[in-house]
Amino acid sequence: MLPKITLWSLLALGIVFIALFFLGGSNGSLEVAGDFLDIPRFTDAFLIWVYILVGLVVLITLAVVCVEFANNWKTNRKKAYTTLGVVAGFVVLALLCWFLGSPEKVNIIGYEGTDNEGAWAQLADAVIYACYFLITATICTMIWGIIYTKKLSK
């Protein structure tokens, strides 16, 4: 019962933050190439909510992996090493994506702060590269699954 309440609460909060972002009015406008763009009033609240959700996903994922590793370690050591190998693979992917990223300043129209250079810019690049890799891996896995199941059905 508690997981259902938690999920419905998170969904409701997400809908509230999305509604505030899109329907909450603006904090003025910004001129970009002759066009005036509205600046949503609740951008910071929406971004903080997204950061909270990403943090929860990371923490829950790490907890599940640790529990799975501990259970597999007790019952089947080979499966535990496989779990450890998958985790090591994701760590290698994260490091590779980090080093592919660039710490150079990203020019953002209307932004005057320093969060678009250095480690933050490199982190943004790393996340984008990781998304590219994971999407490509998902598509390749889907294609391989189709080919594999067709070969089995013959």
Protein backbone atom coordinates (compact mmCIF):
# COMPACT_ATOMS: atom_id res chain seq x y z
CA MET A 1 0.00 0.00 0.00
CA LEU A 2 2.82 2.42 0.86
CA PRO A 3 4.55 2.05 -2.55
CA LYS A 4 1.26 2.93 -4.30
CA ILE A 5 0.77 6.00 -2.12
CA THR A 6 4.36 7.06 -2.72
CA LEU A 7 4.11 6.64 -6.48
CA TRP A 8 0.79 8.50 -6.70
CA SER A 9 2.19 11.29 -4.52
CA LEU A 10 5.28 11.64 -6.71
CA LEU A 11 3.08 11.67 -9.81
CA ALA A 12 0.81 14.34 -8.32
CA LEU A 13 3.77 16.50 -7.32
CA GLY A 14 5.26 16.10 -10.78
CA ILE A 15 1.99 17.22 -12.38
CA VAL A 16 1.83 20.22 -10.03
CA PHE A 17 5.39 21.29 -10.91
CA ILE A 18 4.76 20.84 -14.63
CA ALA A 19 1.56 22.88 -14.37
CA LEU A 20 3.37 25.61 -12.43
CA PHE A 21 6.13 25.70 -15.02
CA PHE A 22 3.83 25.96 -18.03
CA LEU A 23 0.89 27.84 -16.53
CA GLY A 24 2.49 29.84 -13.70
CA GLY A 25 3.12 33.01 -15.62
CA SER A 26 6.40 34.63 -16.51
CA ASN A 27 9.16 36.65 -14.92
CA GLY A 28 9.44 38.92 -17.91
CA SER A 29 10.83 38.26 -21.34
CA LEU A 30 14.16 37.95 -23.06
CA GLU A 31 14.95 39.27 -26.52
CA VAL A 32 16.60 36.66 -28.73
CA ALA A 33 17.28 37.48 -32.38
CA GLY A 34 14.46 40.01 -32.45
CA ASP A 35 11.91 37.69 -30.81
CA PHE A 36 10.74 38.06 -27.22
CA LEU A 37 10.72 34.81 -25.25
CA ASP A 38 8.89 34.46 -21.93
CA ILE A 39 10.87 33.36 -18.89
CA PRO A 40 8.73 30.93 -16.84
CA ARG A 41 8.30 31.98 -13.21
CA PHE A 42 8.76 28.54 -11.65
CA THR A 43 11.81 27.33 -13.60
CA ASP A 44 13.96 26.92 -10.47
CA ALA A 45 11.28 24.95 -8.62
CA PHE A 46 10.82 22.67 -11.62
CA LEU A 47 14.58 22.08 -11.96
CA ILE A 48 14.92 21.34 -8.24
CA TRP A 49 12.08 18.81 -8.52
CA VAL A 50 13.86 17.14 -11.46
CA TYR A 51 17.12 17.02 -9.45
CA ILE A 52 15.26 15.38 -6.55
CA LEU A 53 13.76 12.77 -8.86
CA VAL A 54 17.12 11.99 -10.49
CA GLY A 55 18.69 11.68 -7.03
CA LEU A 56 15.95 9.29 -5.92
CA VAL A 57 16.41 7.18 -9.04
CA VAL A 58 20.16 6.95 -8.48
CA LEU A 59 19.79 6.07 -4.79
CA ILE A 60 17.07 3.47 -5.39
CA THR A 61 19.03 1.92 -8.25
CA LEU A 62 22.18 1.66 -6.12
CA ALA A 63 20.18 0.16 -3.23
CA VAL A 64 18.57 -2.45 -5.50
CA VAL A 65 21.93 -3.39 -7.03
CA CYS A 66 23.52 -3.74 -3.58
CA VAL A 67 20.67 -5.92 -2.30
CA GLU A 68 20.75 -8.05 -5.46
CA PHE A 69 24.52 -8.46 -5.16
CA ALA A 70 24.24 -9.47 -1.48
CA ASN A 71 21.47 -11.99 -2.22
CA ASN A 72 23.38 -13.45 -5.16
CA TRP A 73 26.57 -13.62 -3.11
CA LYS A 74 24.80 -15.87 -0.60
CA THR A 75 23.16 -18.17 -3.15
CA ASN A 76 25.07 -18.03 -6.45
CA ARG A 77 28.55 -16.52 -6.59
CA LYS A 78 28.71 -16.64 -10.40
CA LYS A 79 25.56 -14.52 -10.65
CA ALA A 80 27.01 -12.11 -8.08
CA TYR A 81 30.11 -11.64 -10.21
CA THR A 82 27.88 -11.00 -13.23
CA THR A 83 26.07 -8.28 -11.27
CA LEU A 84 29.43 -6.81 -10.29
CA GLY A 85 30.53 -6.91 -13.93
CA VAL A 86 27.46 -4.95 -15.03
CA VAL A 87 28.11 -2.32 -12.36
CA ALA A 88 31.77 -2.11 -13.41
CA GLY A 89 30.64 -1.68 -17.03
CA PHE A 90 28.45 1.27 -16.10
CA VAL A 91 31.30 2.82 -14.09
CA VAL A 92 33.59 2.49 -17.13
CA LEU A 93 30.86 4.03 -19.32
CA ALA A 94 30.47 6.95 -16.90
CA LEU A 95 34.22 7.58 -16.82
CA LEU A 96 34.50 7.32 -20.61
CA CYS A 97 31.61 9.78 -21.07
CA TRP A 98 33.17 12.14 -18.51
CA PHE A 99 36.48 12.23 -20.38
CA LEU A 100 34.70 12.71 -23.72
CA GLY A 101 32.98 15.80 -22.29
CA SER A 102 34.47 19.25 -22.67
CA PRO A 103 34.92 21.77 -19.84
CA GLU A 104 34.84 24.67 -22.29
CA LYS A 105 32.23 27.39 -21.81
CA VAL A 106 28.85 26.78 -23.44
CA ASN A 107 27.34 30.02 -24.74
CA ILE A 108 23.74 30.30 -23.61
CA ILE A 109 21.77 33.32 -24.78
CA GLY A 110 20.74 35.48 -21.84
CA TYR A 111 22.74 33.55 -19.22
CA GLU A 112 25.45 35.42 -17.35
CA GLY A 113 26.46 32.88 -14.67
CA THR A 114 29.38 30.48 -14.44
CA ASP A 115 27.49 27.17 -14.30
CA ASN A 116 27.95 26.65 -18.05
CA GLU A 117 31.70 26.04 -17.94
CA GLY A 118 34.17 23.78 -16.21
CA ALA A 119 32.92 20.66 -14.44
CA TRP A 120 29.24 21.50 -14.98
CA ALA A 121 29.70 21.77 -18.74
CA GLN A 122 31.69 18.54 -18.72
CA LEU A 123 28.96 16.81 -16.70
CA ALA A 124 26.30 17.99 -19.15
CA ASP A 125 28.36 16.62 -22.04
CA ALA A 126 28.90 13.34 -20.18
CA VAL A 127 25.16 12.88 -19.64
CA ILE A 128 24.49 13.57 -23.32
CA TYR A 129 27.16 11.06 -24.42
CA ALA A 130 25.79 8.47 -21.99
CA CYS A 131 22.30 8.98 -23.43
CA TYR A 132 23.65 8.52 -26.97
CA PHE A 133 25.39 5.30 -25.99
CA LEU A 134 22.42 3.88 -24.06
CA ILE A 135 19.93 4.70 -26.82
CA THR A 136 22.23 3.09 -29.40
CA ALA A 137 22.67 0.03 -27.16
CA THR A 138 18.89 -0.24 -26.70
CA ILE A 139 18.25 -0.10 -30.46
CA CYS A 140 20.98 -2.68 -31.13
CA THR A 141 19.55 -4.95 -28.44
CA MET A 142 16.08 -4.70 -29.96
CA ILE A 143 17.41 -5.55 -33.43
CA TRP A 144 19.46 -8.43 -32.02
CA GLY A 145 16.41 -9.72 -30.15
CA ILE A 146 14.31 -9.74 -33.31
CA ILE A 147 17.01 -11.53 -35.28
CA TYR A 148 17.66 -14.02 -32.46
CA THR A 149 13.99 -14.92 -31.99
CA LYS A 150 13.47 -15.35 -35.75
CA LYS A 151 16.43 -17.75 -35.88
CA LEU A 152 14.98 -19.71 -32.95
CA SER A 153 11.56 -19.99 -34.59
CA LYS A 154 13.03 -21.73 -37.68
